[in-house]
Amino acid sequence: MYAINYDPKEDFLLGVIAIPARNALKKEKIDSLEKLSDYSEKELLQLHGFGKNAMMKLKDHMTENQFFFKEA
């Protein structure tokens, strides 16, 4: 049997968006949906490693969890 260590800060959005986009958020110290809601879609798309595909997946995930991006 294996013990799985789950760290919500390290594994934020694991399985939702790709590693480059997760790394872009980590670099900006965005580690929760609440912090994400302080950003607009346009601001996130300017991050290196964050593209339209990640944005679509993230937008769906946020909507499912009743969080929304800041209005531009």
C-alpha atoms as a PDB file:
ATOM      1  CA  MET A   1       0.000   0.000   0.000  1.00  0.00           C
ATOM      2  CA  TYR A   2       1.267   3.458  -0.894  1.00  0.00           C
ATOM      3  CA  ALA A   3       0.809   6.593   1.141  1.00  0.00           C
ATOM      4  CA  ILE A   4      -0.161   9.542  -1.004  1.00  0.00           C
ATOM      5  CA  ASN A   5       0.793  12.963   0.243  1.00  0.00           C
ATOM      6  CA  TYR A   6      -1.595  15.606  -0.985  1.00  0.00           C
ATOM      7  CA  ASP A   7      -0.581  19.205  -0.549  1.00  0.00           C
ATOM      8  CA  PRO A   8      -3.372  21.533  -1.740  1.00  0.00           C
ATOM      9  CA  LYS A   9      -0.874  24.360  -2.307  1.00  0.00           C
ATOM     10  CA  GLU A  10       1.466  22.215  -4.443  1.00  0.00           C
ATOM     11  CA  ASP A  11      -1.293  20.295  -6.220  1.00  0.00           C
ATOM     12  CA  PHE A  12      -3.547  23.282  -6.934  1.00  0.00           C
ATOM     13  CA  LEU A  13      -5.466  22.578 -10.157  1.00  0.00           C
ATOM     14  CA  LEU A  14      -3.689  19.234 -10.665  1.00  0.00           C
ATOM     15  CA  GLY A  15      -5.595  17.431 -13.405  1.00  0.00           C
ATOM     16  CA  VAL A  16      -7.440  20.589 -14.427  1.00  0.00           C
ATOM     17  CA  ILE A  17      -4.817  22.534 -16.388  1.00  0.00           C
ATOM     18  CA  ALA A  18      -1.403  21.628 -17.797  1.00  0.00           C
ATOM     19  CA  ILE A  19       1.864  22.039 -15.908  1.00  0.00           C
ATOM     20  CA  PRO A  20       3.048  25.211 -17.739  1.00  0.00           C
ATOM     21  CA  ALA A  21      -0.158  27.022 -16.780  1.00  0.00           C
ATOM     22  CA  ARG A  22       0.021  25.704 -13.193  1.00  0.00           C
ATOM     23  CA  ASN A  23       3.632  26.901 -12.983  1.00  0.00           C
ATOM     24  CA  ALA A  24       2.593  30.341 -14.254  1.00  0.00           C
ATOM     25  CA  LEU A  25       0.020  30.578 -11.450  1.00  0.00           C
ATOM     26  CA  LYS A  26       2.516  29.305  -8.884  1.00  0.00           C
ATOM     27  CA  LYS A  27       5.035  31.973  -9.962  1.00  0.00           C
ATOM     28  CA  GLU A  28       2.369  34.627  -9.302  1.00  0.00           C
ATOM     29  CA  LYS A  29       1.577  33.001  -5.919  1.00  0.00           C
ATOM     30  CA  ILE A  30      -1.968  32.128  -7.031  1.00  0.00           C
ATOM     31  CA  ASP A  31      -2.842  29.005  -5.072  1.00  0.00           C
ATOM     32  CA  SER A  32      -6.609  29.166  -4.609  1.00  0.00           C
ATOM     33  CA  LEU A  33      -9.749  29.846  -6.619  1.00  0.00           C
ATOM     34  CA  GLU A  34     -10.360  32.829  -4.377  1.00  0.00           C
ATOM     35  CA  LYS A  35      -7.039  34.393  -5.428  1.00  0.00           C
ATOM     36  CA  LEU A  36      -7.769  33.525  -9.055  1.00  0.00           C
ATOM     37  CA  SER A  37     -11.006  35.487  -8.888  1.00  0.00           C
ATOM     38  CA  ASP A  38      -8.932  38.638  -8.271  1.00  0.00           C
ATOM     39  CA  TYR A  39      -7.604  38.379 -11.846  1.00  0.00           C
ATOM     40  CA  SER A  40      -9.261  38.973 -15.201  1.00  0.00           C
ATOM     41  CA  GLU A  41      -9.008  36.495 -18.065  1.00  0.00           C
ATOM     42  CA  LYS A  42      -6.906  39.025 -19.975  1.00  0.00           C
ATOM     43  CA  GLU A  43      -4.401  39.298 -17.097  1.00  0.00           C
ATOM     44  CA  LEU A  44      -4.001  35.525 -16.861  1.00  0.00           C
ATOM     45  CA  LEU A  45      -3.543  35.119 -20.620  1.00  0.00           C
ATOM     46  CA  GLN A  46      -0.554  37.458 -20.387  1.00  0.00           C
ATOM     47  CA  LEU A  47       1.281  35.019 -18.091  1.00  0.00           C
ATOM     48  CA  HIS A  48       4.020  32.959 -19.740  1.00  0.00           C
ATOM     49  CA  GLY A  49       2.755  29.386 -20.097  1.00  0.00           C
ATOM     50  CA  PHE A  50      -0.917  30.281 -19.909  1.00  0.00           C
ATOM     51  CA  GLY A  51      -2.944  29.904 -23.105  1.00  0.00           C
ATOM     52  CA  LYS A  52      -6.482  29.708 -24.424  1.00  0.00           C
ATOM     53  CA  ASN A  53      -6.826  25.983 -23.734  1.00  0.00           C
ATOM     54  CA  ALA A  54      -5.867  26.426 -20.072  1.00  0.00           C
ATOM     55  CA  MET A  55      -8.235  29.388 -19.842  1.00  0.00           C
ATOM     56  CA  MET A  56     -11.191  27.370 -21.150  1.00  0.00           C
ATOM     57  CA  LYS A  57     -10.544  24.532 -18.699  1.00  0.00           C
ATOM     58  CA  LEU A  58      -9.959  26.910 -15.813  1.00  0.00           C
ATOM     59  CA  LYS A  59     -13.084  28.921 -16.570  1.00  0.00           C
ATOM     60  CA  ASP A  60     -15.188  25.731 -16.526  1.00  0.00           C
ATOM     61  CA  HIS A  61     -13.576  24.604 -13.258  1.00  0.00           C
ATOM     62  CA  MET A  62     -14.157  27.971 -11.607  1.00  0.00           C
ATOM     63  CA  THR A  63     -17.802  28.072 -12.740  1.00  0.00           C
ATOM     64  CA  GLU A  64     -18.371  24.559 -11.321  1.00  0.00           C
ATOM     65  CA  ASN A  65     -17.024  25.833  -7.993  1.00  0.00           C
ATOM     66  CA  GLN A  66     -18.976  29.122  -8.163  1.00  0.00           C
ATOM     67  CA  PHE A  67     -15.986  31.406  -8.653  1.00  0.00           C
ATOM     68  CA  PHE A  68     -15.653  33.955 -11.438  1.00  0.00           C
ATOM     69  CA  PHE A  69     -12.906  36.062 -12.961  1.00  0.00           C
ATOM     70  CA  LYS A  70     -12.648  39.771 -12.276  1.00  0.00           C
ATOM     71  CA  GLU A  71     -14.283  41.929 -14.916  1.00  0.00           C
ATOM     72  CA  ALA A  72     -11.706  43.564 -17.160  1.00  0.00           C
END
